[in-house]
Amino acid sequence: MSDLEDRLAIRELVERWSDGTNNHDWKALEALFTEDAVWDVGAPLSFQAQGARPIVALLREKMEVAEFVVQTPHAPRIWLDGNSARARTTIHEICRFRDGAGLEMRGTYYDELVRLASGWRFRRRVFRVTCFNAVAPAGQAFSEGQQLWPER
């Protein structure tokens, strides 16, 4: 692969994380990690999981109470080093829970990645919050888009 192809593949990996989170595509999310991967989320959320399945199980548990979540990645920076890489991506996320509570946050993912035969995978995802607002987003939620591509 060329540097450009590697960078594109890593950007797509980052985007697939947000898409899988937004659409609760647990199977797709599990495929993004190495088997021994670590997911480390700092304060004020403060949790950690190790292993592809436990990472997705923890995310799934946290998302069960969500009416909706919209997470968008921005401005990824990628540093390549052979079959490993590092990436830094800004994240904006809004979420409303079924009980009416919610949150809006911005932060940064610091990723360590590895290229396997199957493609690039997260070895370590570290998320640090920059700004956290524990207020539900205003407005009416619509789920019509979920039915446009229901297969997972």
N, C-alpha and C. Protein backbone atom coordinates (compact mmCIF):
# COMPACT_ATOMS: atom_id res chain seq x y z
N MET A 1 0.84 -1.19 0.00
CA MET A 1 0.00 0.00 0.00
C MET A 1 0.88 1.24 0.00
N SER A 2 0.42 2.26 -0.68
CA SER A 2 1.11 3.54 -0.65
C SER A 2 0.71 4.31 0.60
N ASP A 3 1.48 5.35 0.93
CA ASP A 3 1.13 6.20 2.07
C ASP A 3 -0.29 6.74 1.95
N LEU A 4 -0.65 7.15 0.76
CA LEU A 4 -1.99 7.70 0.53
C LEU A 4 -3.07 6.64 0.79
N GLU A 5 -2.86 5.41 0.32
CA GLU A 5 -3.82 4.33 0.56
C GLU A 5 -3.93 4.00 2.04
N ASP A 6 -2.79 4.00 2.74
CA ASP A 6 -2.80 3.75 4.18
C ASP A 6 -3.58 4.85 4.90
N ARG A 7 -3.32 6.09 4.56
CA ARG A 7 -4.01 7.21 5.21
C ARG A 7 -5.52 7.14 4.97
N LEU A 8 -5.90 6.81 3.76
CA LEU A 8 -7.33 6.69 3.44
C LEU A 8 -7.96 5.53 4.23
N ALA A 9 -7.27 4.41 4.31
CA ALA A 9 -7.79 3.25 5.04
C ALA A 9 -7.95 3.58 6.54
N ILE A 10 -7.01 4.32 7.09
CA ILE A 10 -7.10 4.70 8.51
C ILE A 10 -8.23 5.69 8.73
N ARG A 11 -8.38 6.66 7.84
CA ARG A 11 -9.51 7.60 7.95
C ARG A 11 -10.83 6.84 7.91
N GLU A 12 -10.92 5.87 7.00
CA GLU A 12 -12.14 5.08 6.89
C GLU A 12 -12.39 4.28 8.17
N LEU A 13 -11.33 3.76 8.78
CA LEU A 13 -11.47 3.03 10.05
C LEU A 13 -12.06 3.95 11.12
N VAL A 14 -11.54 5.17 11.23
CA VAL A 14 -12.05 6.15 12.19
C VAL A 14 -13.52 6.48 11.90
N GLU A 15 -13.84 6.66 10.64
CA GLU A 15 -15.22 6.98 10.26
C GLU A 15 -16.16 5.80 10.50
N ARG A 16 -15.67 4.58 10.31
CA ARG A 16 -16.50 3.40 10.56
C ARG A 16 -16.82 3.26 12.04
N TRP A 17 -15.92 3.70 12.92
CA TRP A 17 -16.20 3.71 14.36
C TRP A 17 -17.40 4.61 14.65
N SER A 18 -17.36 5.83 14.13
CA SER A 18 -18.48 6.76 14.38
C SER A 18 -19.77 6.25 13.75
N ASP A 19 -19.70 5.74 12.53
CA ASP A 19 -20.89 5.21 11.87
C ASP A 19 -21.46 4.02 12.64
N GLY A 20 -20.61 3.12 13.06
CA GLY A 20 -21.07 1.96 13.83
C GLY A 20 -21.68 2.36 15.16
N THR A 21 -21.09 3.37 15.82
CA THR A 21 -21.63 3.87 17.08
C THR A 21 -23.00 4.51 16.84
N ASN A 22 -23.09 5.36 15.84
CA ASN A 22 -24.36 6.05 15.56
C ASN A 22 -25.48 5.08 15.21
N ASN A 23 -25.13 4.00 14.53
CA ASN A 23 -26.14 3.07 14.03
C ASN A 23 -26.20 1.76 14.81
N HIS A 24 -25.50 1.70 15.92
CA HIS A 24 -25.50 0.51 16.79
C HIS A 24 -25.18 -0.76 16.00
N ASP A 25 -24.18 -0.66 15.15
CA ASP A 25 -23.75 -1.80 14.34
C ASP A 25 -22.63 -2.53 15.07
N TRP A 26 -23.01 -3.34 16.04
CA TRP A 26 -22.06 -3.96 16.96
C TRP A 26 -21.09 -4.90 16.25
N LYS A 27 -21.57 -5.65 15.30
CA LYS A 27 -20.71 -6.59 14.57
C LYS A 27 -19.63 -5.83 13.79
N ALA A 28 -20.03 -4.77 13.12
CA ALA A 28 -19.06 -3.97 12.36
C ALA A 28 -18.03 -3.33 13.30
N LEU A 29 -18.47 -2.88 14.47
CA LEU A 29 -17.56 -2.25 15.42
C LEU A 29 -16.51 -3.23 15.93
N GLU A 30 -16.93 -4.44 16.22
CA GLU A 30 -15.99 -5.44 16.74
C GLU A 30 -14.86 -5.71 15.75
N ALA A 31 -15.16 -5.65 14.47
CA ALA A 31 -14.17 -5.92 13.43
C ALA A 31 -13.11 -4.82 13.30
N LEU A 32 -13.30 -3.70 13.98
CA LEU A 32 -12.36 -2.58 13.87
C LEU A 32 -11.15 -2.71 14.79
N PHE A 33 -11.20 -3.67 15.74
CA PHE A 33 -10.18 -3.77 16.78
C PHE A 33 -9.36 -5.04 16.65
N THR A 34 -8.13 -4.97 17.17
CA THR A 34 -7.36 -6.19 17.36
C THR A 34 -7.99 -6.93 18.54
N GLU A 35 -7.71 -8.20 18.65
CA GLU A 35 -8.29 -9.00 19.74
C GLU A 35 -7.88 -8.50 21.12
N ASP A 36 -6.68 -7.92 21.22
CA ASP A 36 -6.18 -7.45 22.52
C ASP A 36 -6.27 -5.93 22.67
N ALA A 37 -7.07 -5.29 21.87
CA ALA A 37 -7.18 -3.83 21.86
C ALA A 37 -7.61 -3.29 23.22
N VAL A 38 -7.29 -2.02 23.45
CA VAL A 38 -7.68 -1.32 24.67
C VAL A 38 -8.46 -0.08 24.27
N TRP A 39 -9.57 0.17 24.97
CA TRP A 39 -10.37 1.39 24.81
C TRP A 39 -10.35 2.08 26.16
N ASP A 40 -9.81 3.28 26.19
CA ASP A 40 -9.60 4.02 27.44
C ASP A 40 -10.27 5.39 27.31
N VAL A 41 -11.34 5.60 28.07
CA VAL A 41 -12.08 6.86 28.05
C VAL A 41 -11.88 7.56 29.39
N GLY A 42 -11.37 8.79 29.33
CA GLY A 42 -11.04 9.53 30.54
C GLY A 42 -12.21 10.27 31.15
N ALA A 43 -11.90 11.06 32.16
CA ALA A 43 -12.89 11.85 32.91
C ALA A 43 -13.61 12.83 31.97
N PRO A 44 -14.87 13.06 32.22
CA PRO A 44 -15.65 12.67 33.38
C PRO A 44 -16.35 11.32 33.23
N LEU A 45 -16.17 10.64 32.10
CA LEU A 45 -16.84 9.35 31.89
C LEU A 45 -16.08 8.21 32.54
N SER A 46 -14.79 8.17 32.38
CA SER A 46 -13.86 7.29 33.09
C SER A 46 -14.22 5.81 33.06
N PHE A 47 -13.88 5.15 31.95
CA PHE A 47 -14.01 3.71 31.88
C PHE A 47 -12.97 3.16 30.92
N GLN A 48 -12.75 1.85 30.99
CA GLN A 48 -11.78 1.18 30.14
C GLN A 48 -12.24 -0.24 29.86
N ALA A 49 -11.90 -0.74 28.68
CA ALA A 49 -12.18 -2.14 28.33
C ALA A 49 -11.00 -2.66 27.51
N GLN A 50 -10.78 -3.97 27.58
CA GLN A 50 -9.72 -4.59 26.80
C GLN A 50 -10.28 -5.78 26.05
N GLY A 51 -9.95 -5.84 24.76
CA GLY A 51 -10.43 -6.91 23.88
C GLY A 51 -11.56 -6.42 23.02
N ALA A 52 -11.58 -6.86 21.76
CA ALA A 52 -12.60 -6.38 20.82
C ALA A 52 -14.02 -6.62 21.34
N ARG A 53 -14.31 -7.84 21.77
CA ARG A 53 -15.67 -8.14 22.26
C ARG A 53 -16.04 -7.36 23.51
N PRO A 54 -15.17 -7.31 24.53
CA PRO A 54 -15.51 -6.51 25.71
C PRO A 54 -15.68 -5.01 25.41
N ILE A 55 -14.91 -4.49 24.47
CA ILE A 55 -15.05 -3.08 24.09
C ILE A 55 -16.44 -2.84 23.54
N VAL A 56 -16.85 -3.66 22.61
CA VAL A 56 -18.17 -3.49 21.98
C VAL A 56 -19.28 -3.78 22.99
N ALA A 57 -19.09 -4.75 23.86
CA ALA A 57 -20.10 -5.04 24.89
C ALA A 57 -20.29 -3.84 25.81
N LEU A 58 -19.21 -3.18 26.19
CA LEU A 58 -19.32 -2.00 27.05
C LEU A 58 -20.00 -0.85 26.31
N LEU A 59 -19.62 -0.62 25.07
CA LEU A 59 -20.28 0.43 24.28
C LEU A 59 -21.76 0.14 24.13
N ARG A 60 -22.08 -1.10 23.84
CA ARG A 60 -23.48 -1.49 23.68
C ARG A 60 -24.28 -1.24 24.96
N GLU A 61 -23.69 -1.60 26.10
CA GLU A 61 -24.35 -1.37 27.39
C GLU A 61 -24.60 0.13 27.60
N LYS A 62 -23.64 0.96 27.26
CA LYS A 62 -23.78 2.40 27.44
C LYS A 62 -24.79 3.00 26.47
N MET A 63 -24.93 2.41 25.30
CA MET A 63 -25.84 2.94 24.27
C MET A 63 -27.28 2.44 24.42
N GLU A 64 -27.49 1.42 25.25
CA GLU A 64 -28.85 0.88 25.41
C GLU A 64 -29.86 1.92 25.87
N VAL A 65 -29.42 2.90 26.62
CA VAL A 65 -30.32 3.92 27.17
C VAL A 65 -30.50 5.11 26.23
N ALA A 66 -29.82 5.09 25.08
CA ALA A 66 -29.84 6.24 24.18
C ALA A 66 -31.06 6.22 23.25
N GLU A 67 -31.72 7.35 23.17
CA GLU A 67 -32.74 7.54 22.14
C GLU A 67 -32.04 7.72 20.80
N PHE A 68 -30.96 8.51 20.83
CA PHE A 68 -30.11 8.64 19.64
C PHE A 68 -28.73 9.12 20.07
N VAL A 69 -27.77 8.85 19.21
CA VAL A 69 -26.41 9.39 19.36
C VAL A 69 -25.93 9.79 17.97
N VAL A 70 -25.29 10.93 17.90
CA VAL A 70 -24.66 11.38 16.66
C VAL A 70 -23.23 11.77 17.02
N GLN A 71 -22.30 10.97 16.53
CA GLN A 71 -20.88 11.22 16.76
C GLN A 71 -20.23 11.50 15.41
N THR A 72 -19.49 12.59 15.33
CA THR A 72 -18.83 12.94 14.07
C THR A 72 -17.34 13.15 14.31
N PRO A 73 -16.50 12.50 13.49
CA PRO A 73 -15.06 12.70 13.59
C PRO A 73 -14.63 13.87 12.70
N HIS A 74 -13.64 14.60 13.17
CA HIS A 74 -13.14 15.77 12.44
C HIS A 74 -11.61 15.82 12.47
N ALA A 75 -11.05 16.36 11.42
CA ALA A 75 -9.63 16.73 11.36
C ALA A 75 -8.66 15.63 11.79
N PRO A 76 -8.77 14.43 11.22
CA PRO A 76 -7.82 13.38 11.61
C PRO A 76 -6.40 13.71 11.14
N ARG A 77 -5.44 13.45 12.02
CA ARG A 77 -4.01 13.54 11.68
C ARG A 77 -3.45 12.13 11.82
N ILE A 78 -2.64 11.72 10.87
CA ILE A 78 -2.14 10.35 10.82
C ILE A 78 -0.63 10.36 10.67
N TRP A 79 0.04 9.54 11.49
CA TRP A 79 1.48 9.36 11.41
C TRP A 79 1.74 7.88 11.12
N LEU A 80 2.32 7.60 9.98
CA LEU A 80 2.59 6.22 9.55
C LEU A 80 3.99 5.79 9.96
N ASP A 81 4.13 4.51 10.30
CA ASP A 81 5.43 3.93 10.65
C ASP A 81 5.40 2.45 10.27
N GLY A 82 5.51 2.17 8.99
CA GLY A 82 5.47 0.79 8.51
C GLY A 82 4.11 0.17 8.72
N ASN A 83 4.07 -0.92 9.49
CA ASN A 83 2.81 -1.61 9.76
C ASN A 83 2.11 -1.12 11.02
N SER A 84 2.55 -0.01 11.54
CA SER A 84 1.86 0.62 12.66
C SER A 84 1.67 2.10 12.34
N ALA A 85 0.77 2.71 13.08
CA ALA A 85 0.48 4.12 12.85
C ALA A 85 -0.13 4.71 14.11
N ARG A 86 -0.14 6.02 14.17
CA ARG A 86 -0.84 6.76 15.21
C ARG A 86 -1.78 7.73 14.51
N ALA A 87 -2.90 8.01 15.16
CA ALA A 87 -3.85 8.97 14.61
C ALA A 87 -4.43 9.79 15.75
N ARG A 88 -4.75 11.02 15.45
CA ARG A 88 -5.40 11.91 16.42
C ARG A 88 -6.60 12.52 15.71
N THR A 89 -7.79 12.36 16.32
CA THR A 89 -9.04 12.81 15.69
C THR A 89 -9.91 13.53 16.70
N THR A 90 -10.42 14.67 16.31
CA THR A 90 -11.37 15.42 17.14
C THR A 90 -12.75 14.82 16.94
N ILE A 91 -13.50 14.70 18.03
CA ILE A 91 -14.84 14.11 18.01
C ILE A 91 -15.85 15.10 18.58
N HIS A 92 -17.01 15.18 17.94
CA HIS A 92 -18.16 15.93 18.49
C HIS A 92 -19.28 14.91 18.61
N GLU A 93 -19.89 14.83 19.79
CA GLU A 93 -20.95 13.85 20.02
C GLU A 93 -22.10 14.49 20.77
N ILE A 94 -23.31 14.21 20.28
CA ILE A 94 -24.51 14.58 21.03
C ILE A 94 -25.31 13.30 21.24
N CYS A 95 -25.98 13.24 22.38
CA CYS A 95 -26.73 12.04 22.72
C CYS A 95 -27.92 12.44 23.58
N ARG A 96 -29.06 11.86 23.28
CA ARG A 96 -30.21 12.03 24.16
C ARG A 96 -30.65 10.66 24.62
N PHE A 97 -30.90 10.55 25.93
CA PHE A 97 -31.30 9.29 26.53
C PHE A 97 -32.82 9.20 26.58
N ARG A 98 -33.31 7.98 26.69
CA ARG A 98 -34.77 7.76 26.72
C ARG A 98 -35.45 8.42 27.91
N ASP A 99 -34.70 8.67 28.99
CA ASP A 99 -35.29 9.32 30.17
C ASP A 99 -35.31 10.84 30.04
N GLY A 100 -34.88 11.38 28.89
CA GLY A 100 -34.89 12.82 28.66
C GLY A 100 -33.57 13.51 28.94
N ALA A 101 -32.67 12.84 29.66
CA ALA A 101 -31.34 13.41 29.90
C ALA A 101 -30.51 13.32 28.62
N GLY A 102 -29.32 13.84 28.64
CA GLY A 102 -28.46 13.75 27.47
C GLY A 102 -27.13 14.40 27.70
N LEU A 103 -26.39 14.55 26.63
CA LEU A 103 -25.08 15.17 26.73
C LEU A 103 -24.63 15.67 25.37
N GLU A 104 -23.70 16.58 25.43
CA GLU A 104 -22.96 17.03 24.25
C GLU A 104 -21.51 17.13 24.69
N MET A 105 -20.63 16.56 23.90
CA MET A 105 -19.22 16.65 24.26
C MET A 105 -18.34 16.73 23.03
N ARG A 106 -17.18 17.29 23.27
CA ARG A 106 -16.13 17.35 22.28
C ARG A 106 -14.87 16.80 22.94
N GLY A 107 -14.08 16.13 22.14
CA GLY A 107 -12.86 15.57 22.67
C GLY A 107 -11.97 15.06 21.56
N THR A 108 -10.95 14.33 21.95
CA THR A 108 -9.95 13.86 21.00
C THR A 108 -9.65 12.38 21.24
N TYR A 109 -9.62 11.62 20.16
CA TYR A 109 -9.14 10.25 20.19
C TYR A 109 -7.66 10.25 19.82
N TYR A 110 -6.88 9.53 20.61
CA TYR A 110 -5.47 9.28 20.34
C TYR A 110 -5.37 7.78 20.07
N ASP A 111 -5.12 7.42 18.84
CA ASP A 111 -5.18 6.01 18.43
C ASP A 111 -3.80 5.45 18.10
N GLU A 112 -3.61 4.20 18.49
CA GLU A 112 -2.49 3.39 18.02
C GLU A 112 -3.10 2.31 17.14
N LEU A 113 -2.57 2.19 15.94
CA LEU A 113 -3.14 1.27 14.95
C LEU A 113 -2.09 0.30 14.46
N VAL A 114 -2.57 -0.83 13.95
CA VAL A 114 -1.68 -1.84 13.39
C VAL A 114 -2.31 -2.35 12.09
N ARG A 115 -1.44 -2.61 11.12
CA ARG A 115 -1.91 -3.18 9.86
C ARG A 115 -1.81 -4.70 9.94
N LEU A 116 -2.95 -5.35 9.80
CA LEU A 116 -3.02 -6.81 9.76
C LEU A 116 -3.27 -7.24 8.32
N ALA A 117 -3.29 -8.53 8.08
CA ALA A 117 -3.61 -9.02 6.74
C ALA A 117 -5.00 -8.56 6.30
N SER A 118 -5.90 -8.39 7.27
CA SER A 118 -7.28 -7.96 6.99
C SER A 118 -7.43 -6.44 6.89
N GLY A 119 -6.35 -5.70 7.12
CA GLY A 119 -6.40 -4.24 7.03
C GLY A 119 -6.02 -3.58 8.35
N TRP A 120 -6.17 -2.27 8.40
CA TRP A 120 -5.82 -1.51 9.60
C TRP A 120 -6.84 -1.75 10.71
N ARG A 121 -6.34 -1.85 11.96
CA ARG A 121 -7.20 -2.07 13.12
C ARG A 121 -6.71 -1.20 14.28
N PHE A 122 -7.64 -0.87 15.16
CA PHE A 122 -7.27 -0.15 16.37
C PHE A 122 -6.61 -1.12 17.35
N ARG A 123 -5.45 -0.75 17.84
CA ARG A 123 -4.79 -1.50 18.91
C ARG A 123 -5.09 -0.83 20.26
N ARG A 124 -5.17 0.50 20.22
CA ARG A 124 -5.46 1.26 21.43
C ARG A 124 -6.18 2.54 21.02
N ARG A 125 -7.34 2.80 21.68
CA ARG A 125 -8.09 4.05 21.48
C ARG A 125 -8.18 4.74 22.83
N VAL A 126 -7.63 5.92 22.90
CA VAL A 126 -7.67 6.71 24.12
C VAL A 126 -8.49 7.97 23.80
N PHE A 127 -9.57 8.17 24.54
CA PHE A 127 -10.42 9.34 24.34
C PHE A 127 -10.32 10.26 25.54
N ARG A 128 -10.05 11.52 25.26
CA ARG A 128 -10.00 12.53 26.31
C ARG A 128 -10.98 13.65 25.98
N VAL A 129 -11.84 13.92 26.94
CA VAL A 129 -12.87 14.94 26.78
C VAL A 129 -12.24 16.32 26.89
N THR A 130 -12.65 17.21 26.00
CA THR A 130 -12.23 18.61 26.05
C THR A 130 -13.32 19.47 26.69
N CYS A 131 -14.57 19.19 26.31
CA CYS A 131 -15.70 19.96 26.81
C CYS A 131 -16.89 19.01 26.96
N PHE A 132 -17.54 19.07 28.12
CA PHE A 132 -18.65 18.16 28.41
C PHE A 132 -19.82 18.97 28.94
N ASN A 133 -20.98 18.80 28.32
CA ASN A 133 -22.20 19.49 28.74
C ASN A 133 -23.28 18.44 28.96
N ALA A 134 -23.66 18.21 30.20
CA ALA A 134 -24.65 17.17 30.54
C ALA A 134 -26.06 17.71 30.40
N VAL A 135 -26.39 18.19 29.21
CA VAL A 135 -27.72 18.72 28.91
C VAL A 135 -28.21 18.03 27.64
N ALA A 136 -29.46 17.58 27.66
CA ALA A 136 -30.03 16.91 26.49
C ALA A 136 -30.14 17.89 25.32
N PRO A 137 -29.81 17.44 24.12
CA PRO A 137 -30.01 18.31 22.96
C PRO A 137 -31.49 18.60 22.76
N ALA A 138 -31.81 19.84 22.44
CA ALA A 138 -33.19 20.23 22.21
C ALA A 138 -33.65 19.74 20.85
N GLY A 139 -34.94 19.67 20.67
CA GLY A 139 -35.50 19.32 19.36
C GLY A 139 -36.14 17.95 19.34
N GLN A 140 -36.86 17.71 18.26
CA GLN A 140 -37.54 16.44 18.06
C GLN A 140 -36.60 15.45 17.38
N ALA A 141 -36.58 14.22 17.86
CA ALA A 141 -35.74 13.18 17.25
C ALA A 141 -36.53 12.44 16.19
N PHE A 142 -35.86 12.14 15.09
CA PHE A 142 -36.46 11.39 13.98
C PHE A 142 -35.62 10.16 13.73
N SER A 143 -36.25 9.02 13.49
CA SER A 143 -35.50 7.79 13.24
C SER A 143 -35.75 7.23 11.85
N GLU A 144 -36.35 8.01 10.98
CA GLU A 144 -36.68 7.54 9.63
C GLU A 144 -35.46 7.02 8.87
N GLY A 145 -34.33 7.67 9.05
CA GLY A 145 -33.11 7.24 8.35
C GLY A 145 -32.70 5.84 8.71
N GLN A 146 -33.00 5.39 9.92
CA GLN A 146 -32.63 4.05 10.35
C GLN A 146 -33.28 2.98 9.47
N GLN A 147 -34.45 3.29 8.91
CA GLN A 147 -35.15 2.30 8.10
C GLN A 147 -34.70 2.29 6.63
N LEU A 148 -33.93 3.29 6.21
CA LEU A 148 -33.50 3.33 4.82
C LEU A 148 -32.51 2.21 4.49
N TRP A 149 -31.64 1.91 5.41
CA TRP A 149 -30.67 0.84 5.26
C TRP A 149 -30.71 -0.03 6.50
N PRO A 150 -31.75 -0.83 6.67
CA PRO A 150 -31.92 -1.58 7.92
C PRO A 150 -30.94 -2.73 8.11
N GLU A 151 -30.35 -3.25 7.04
CA GLU A 151 -29.47 -4.40 7.20
C GLU A 151 -28.20 -4.03 7.95
N ARG A 152 -27.74 -4.98 8.72
CA ARG A 152 -26.50 -4.75 9.50
C ARG A 152 -25.58 -5.92 9.32
